[in-house]
Amino acid sequence: MSTAAAEPISIIPNRLLSMQDLAAILHISKSTVESWRYAGKLPEPVQIGRHVRWHPDQIRTLVGEPGAATETDRRRKRTTAAPPSRAAR
């Protein structure tokens, strides 16, 4: 018998999520996903042609799933870090 803690199992796949995927994960209808999208209640989606997709890390953060602070958050921290001040030079 192992005493190591089990790794939490994600219900969210590691690929861009469609509106149908998001509706299934959140247990709401596709029309509610669309309403929440336009009301700003959901993270900003990625537009690929006519298709709308959400990054899984953003949805993990939204639903509070363990392990939500992932690569997306790390990238965001790198790009939003303040530039070095001129006085430090």
Protein backbone atom coordinates (compact mmCIF):
# COMPACT_ATOMS: atom_id res chain seq x y z
CA MET A 1 0.00 0.00 0.00
CA SER A 2 1.40 3.37 -1.02
CA THR A 3 1.47 6.30 1.40
CA ALA A 4 2.22 8.92 -1.28
CA ALA A 5 -0.52 11.47 -1.88
CA ALA A 6 -2.47 10.87 -5.07
CA GLU A 7 -2.11 13.43 -7.84
CA PRO A 8 -5.45 15.26 -8.35
CA ILE A 9 -7.23 14.15 -11.50
CA SER A 10 -8.24 16.96 -13.83
CA ILE A 11 -11.69 16.98 -15.38
CA ILE A 12 -10.44 19.55 -17.89
CA PRO A 13 -8.49 18.26 -20.90
CA ASN A 14 -5.15 19.80 -21.93
CA ARG A 15 -6.36 21.32 -25.20
CA LEU A 16 -8.27 24.42 -26.18
CA LEU A 17 -11.88 24.09 -25.07
CA SER A 18 -14.88 24.65 -27.30
CA MET A 19 -18.14 26.22 -26.18
CA GLN A 20 -19.62 22.72 -25.96
CA ASP A 21 -16.69 21.54 -23.79
CA LEU A 22 -17.09 24.54 -21.51
CA ALA A 23 -20.84 23.99 -21.17
CA ALA A 24 -20.25 20.36 -20.16
CA ILE A 25 -17.52 21.27 -17.64
CA LEU A 26 -19.60 24.04 -16.04
CA HIS A 27 -22.88 22.08 -16.27
CA ILE A 28 -24.63 24.89 -18.13
CA SER A 29 -26.13 25.28 -21.61
CA LYS A 30 -24.21 26.55 -24.62
CA SER A 31 -26.46 29.62 -24.70
CA THR A 32 -25.51 30.38 -21.09
CA VAL A 33 -21.82 30.07 -22.02
CA GLU A 34 -22.45 32.58 -24.79
CA SER A 35 -24.33 34.93 -22.45
CA TRP A 36 -21.59 34.72 -19.81
CA ARG A 37 -18.96 35.33 -22.49
CA TYR A 38 -20.59 38.57 -23.62
CA ALA A 39 -21.29 39.63 -20.01
CA GLY A 40 -17.58 39.25 -19.17
CA LYS A 41 -18.13 36.43 -16.66
CA LEU A 42 -15.72 34.13 -18.50
CA PRO A 43 -12.04 34.56 -19.36
CA GLU A 44 -11.33 36.11 -22.76
CA PRO A 45 -11.52 33.35 -25.38
CA VAL A 46 -9.15 32.72 -28.28
CA GLN A 47 -10.71 33.37 -31.68
CA ILE A 48 -9.56 30.92 -34.38
CA GLY A 49 -11.38 31.86 -37.57
CA ARG A 50 -15.06 31.50 -36.71
CA HIS A 51 -14.29 29.25 -33.76
CA VAL A 52 -14.12 30.39 -30.14
CA ARG A 53 -11.89 28.46 -27.73
CA TRP A 54 -10.79 28.84 -24.12
CA HIS A 55 -7.41 27.95 -22.67
CA PRO A 56 -7.82 25.08 -20.15
CA ASP A 57 -5.66 26.80 -17.49
CA GLN A 58 -8.02 29.78 -17.42
CA ILE A 59 -10.99 27.48 -16.90
CA ARG A 60 -9.16 25.53 -14.18
CA THR A 61 -8.62 28.84 -12.39
CA LEU A 62 -12.27 29.77 -12.90
CA VAL A 63 -13.59 26.55 -11.36
CA GLY A 64 -10.90 26.44 -8.67
CA GLU A 65 -9.46 23.11 -9.74
CA PRO A 66 -6.23 22.08 -7.97
CA GLY A 67 -3.11 22.85 -9.96
CA ALA A 68 -4.69 25.89 -11.60
CA ALA A 69 -1.59 28.11 -11.42
CA THR A 70 0.18 26.69 -14.42
CA GLU A 71 2.16 27.80 -17.46
CA THR A 72 -0.39 30.46 -18.46
CA ASP A 73 0.02 32.20 -15.10
CA ARG A 74 3.80 31.94 -15.28
CA ARG A 75 3.80 33.46 -18.79
CA ARG A 76 1.49 36.24 -17.67
CA LYS A 77 3.80 37.09 -14.75
CA ARG A 78 6.80 37.27 -17.09
CA THR A 79 5.07 39.56 -19.58
CA THR A 80 3.50 41.88 -17.01
CA ALA A 81 6.60 42.36 -14.86
CA ALA A 82 7.64 45.98 -14.54
CA PRO A 83 10.67 46.99 -16.59
CA PRO A 84 13.81 47.85 -14.60
CA SER A 85 13.93 51.45 -13.50
CA ARG A 86 16.47 53.82 -15.05
CA ALA A 87 17.87 54.59 -11.58
CA ALA A 88 19.02 50.96 -11.24
CA ARG A 89 21.28 51.29 -14.28
